[in-house]
Amino acid sequence: MLIEYIEEAMKIAHYEIIEDEETFWGEIPGLQGVWGKANTLENCRSVLKETLEEWIIFRLKNNLELPVIAGIDLNKLAIAA
């Protein structure tokens, strides 16, 4: 369930190139604070995914609600923990 959540969240990620800095910026809409920045698109995706994983762990550990993505509700995990 967790891997599926991450995969679905990464599917809705939005990327932009920052021309002035020659870097890539990525974020996942609806997930406040989940963003990444790197010198290549592939590195940006990697940073974004790592940030997402840490964000999920933090929110679950602190019993903070997570948005449902593609019908996947991780909030049930927080209750069971």
Protein backbone atom coordinates (compact mmCIF):
# COMPACT_ATOMS: atom_id res chain seq x y z
CA MET A 1 0.00 0.00 0.00
CA LEU A 2 2.81 2.44 0.86
CA ILE A 3 4.73 1.78 -2.36
CA GLU A 4 1.55 2.24 -4.39
CA TYR A 5 0.88 5.55 -2.62
CA ILE A 6 4.38 6.79 -3.45
CA GLU A 7 4.10 5.65 -7.07
CA GLU A 8 0.72 7.37 -7.51
CA ALA A 9 1.97 10.57 -5.87
CA MET A 10 4.99 10.63 -8.18
CA LYS A 11 2.67 10.32 -11.18
CA ILE A 12 1.05 13.65 -10.33
CA ALA A 13 4.37 15.43 -9.72
CA HIS A 14 4.97 18.65 -11.62
CA TYR A 15 8.42 19.61 -12.90
CA GLU A 16 9.86 22.86 -14.19
CA ILE A 17 13.27 23.95 -15.37
CA ILE A 18 14.69 27.03 -13.69
CA GLU A 19 16.55 28.62 -16.58
CA ASP A 20 18.52 31.16 -14.50
CA GLU A 21 19.98 28.45 -12.30
CA GLU A 22 19.98 25.64 -14.89
CA THR A 23 18.26 23.36 -12.39
CA PHE A 24 15.04 21.39 -12.21
CA TRP A 25 12.30 21.97 -9.65
CA GLY A 26 9.67 19.38 -8.80
CA GLU A 27 6.68 19.32 -6.49
CA ILE A 28 3.63 17.22 -5.80
CA PRO A 29 0.44 19.29 -5.83
CA GLY A 30 -1.56 19.01 -2.63
CA LEU A 31 1.40 17.81 -0.53
CA GLN A 32 2.65 20.92 1.21
CA GLY A 33 6.42 20.95 1.63
CA VAL A 34 7.08 18.07 -0.76
CA TRP A 35 9.47 19.48 -3.35
CA GLY A 36 12.87 18.80 -4.81
CA LYS A 37 15.52 20.66 -6.73
CA ALA A 38 18.49 19.22 -8.63
CA ASN A 39 20.75 19.73 -11.64
CA THR A 40 19.04 17.06 -13.78
CA LEU A 41 15.45 15.91 -14.13
CA GLU A 42 16.35 12.40 -13.00
CA ASN A 43 18.12 13.71 -9.89
CA CYS A 44 15.16 15.99 -9.22
CA ARG A 45 12.80 12.99 -9.33
CA SER A 46 15.05 11.13 -6.93
CA VAL A 47 15.19 14.03 -4.47
CA LEU A 48 11.43 14.51 -4.73
CA LYS A 49 10.75 10.84 -4.03
CA GLU A 50 13.07 10.86 -1.01
CA THR A 51 11.38 13.99 0.30
CA LEU A 52 7.98 12.36 -0.19
CA GLU A 53 9.05 9.26 1.75
CA GLU A 54 10.34 11.36 4.65
CA TRP A 55 7.16 13.49 4.60
CA ILE A 56 4.96 10.39 4.80
CA ILE A 57 6.97 8.92 7.69
CA PHE A 58 6.87 12.21 9.59
CA ARG A 59 3.11 12.59 9.14
CA LEU A 60 2.35 8.99 10.11
CA LYS A 61 4.62 9.16 13.15
CA ASN A 62 2.94 12.36 14.33
CA ASN A 63 -0.61 11.19 13.53
CA LEU A 64 -1.06 13.94 10.96
CA GLU A 65 -3.57 13.34 8.21
CA LEU A 66 -2.36 12.39 4.74
CA PRO A 67 -4.34 13.19 1.62
CA VAL A 68 -5.91 10.25 -0.15
CA ILE A 69 -4.19 9.72 -3.51
CA ALA A 70 -5.72 7.53 -6.23
CA GLY A 71 -8.04 6.01 -3.64
CA ILE A 72 -5.16 5.01 -1.35
CA ASP A 73 -5.73 6.09 2.25
CA LEU A 74 -2.61 5.79 4.41
CA ASN A 75 -4.42 7.30 7.38
CA LYS A 76 -5.59 3.79 8.22
CA LEU A 77 -1.95 2.88 8.90
CA ALA A 78 -1.65 5.63 11.52
CA ILE A 79 -4.64 4.22 13.40
CA ALA A 80 -3.23 0.70 13.39
CA ALA A 81 0.24 1.80 14.54
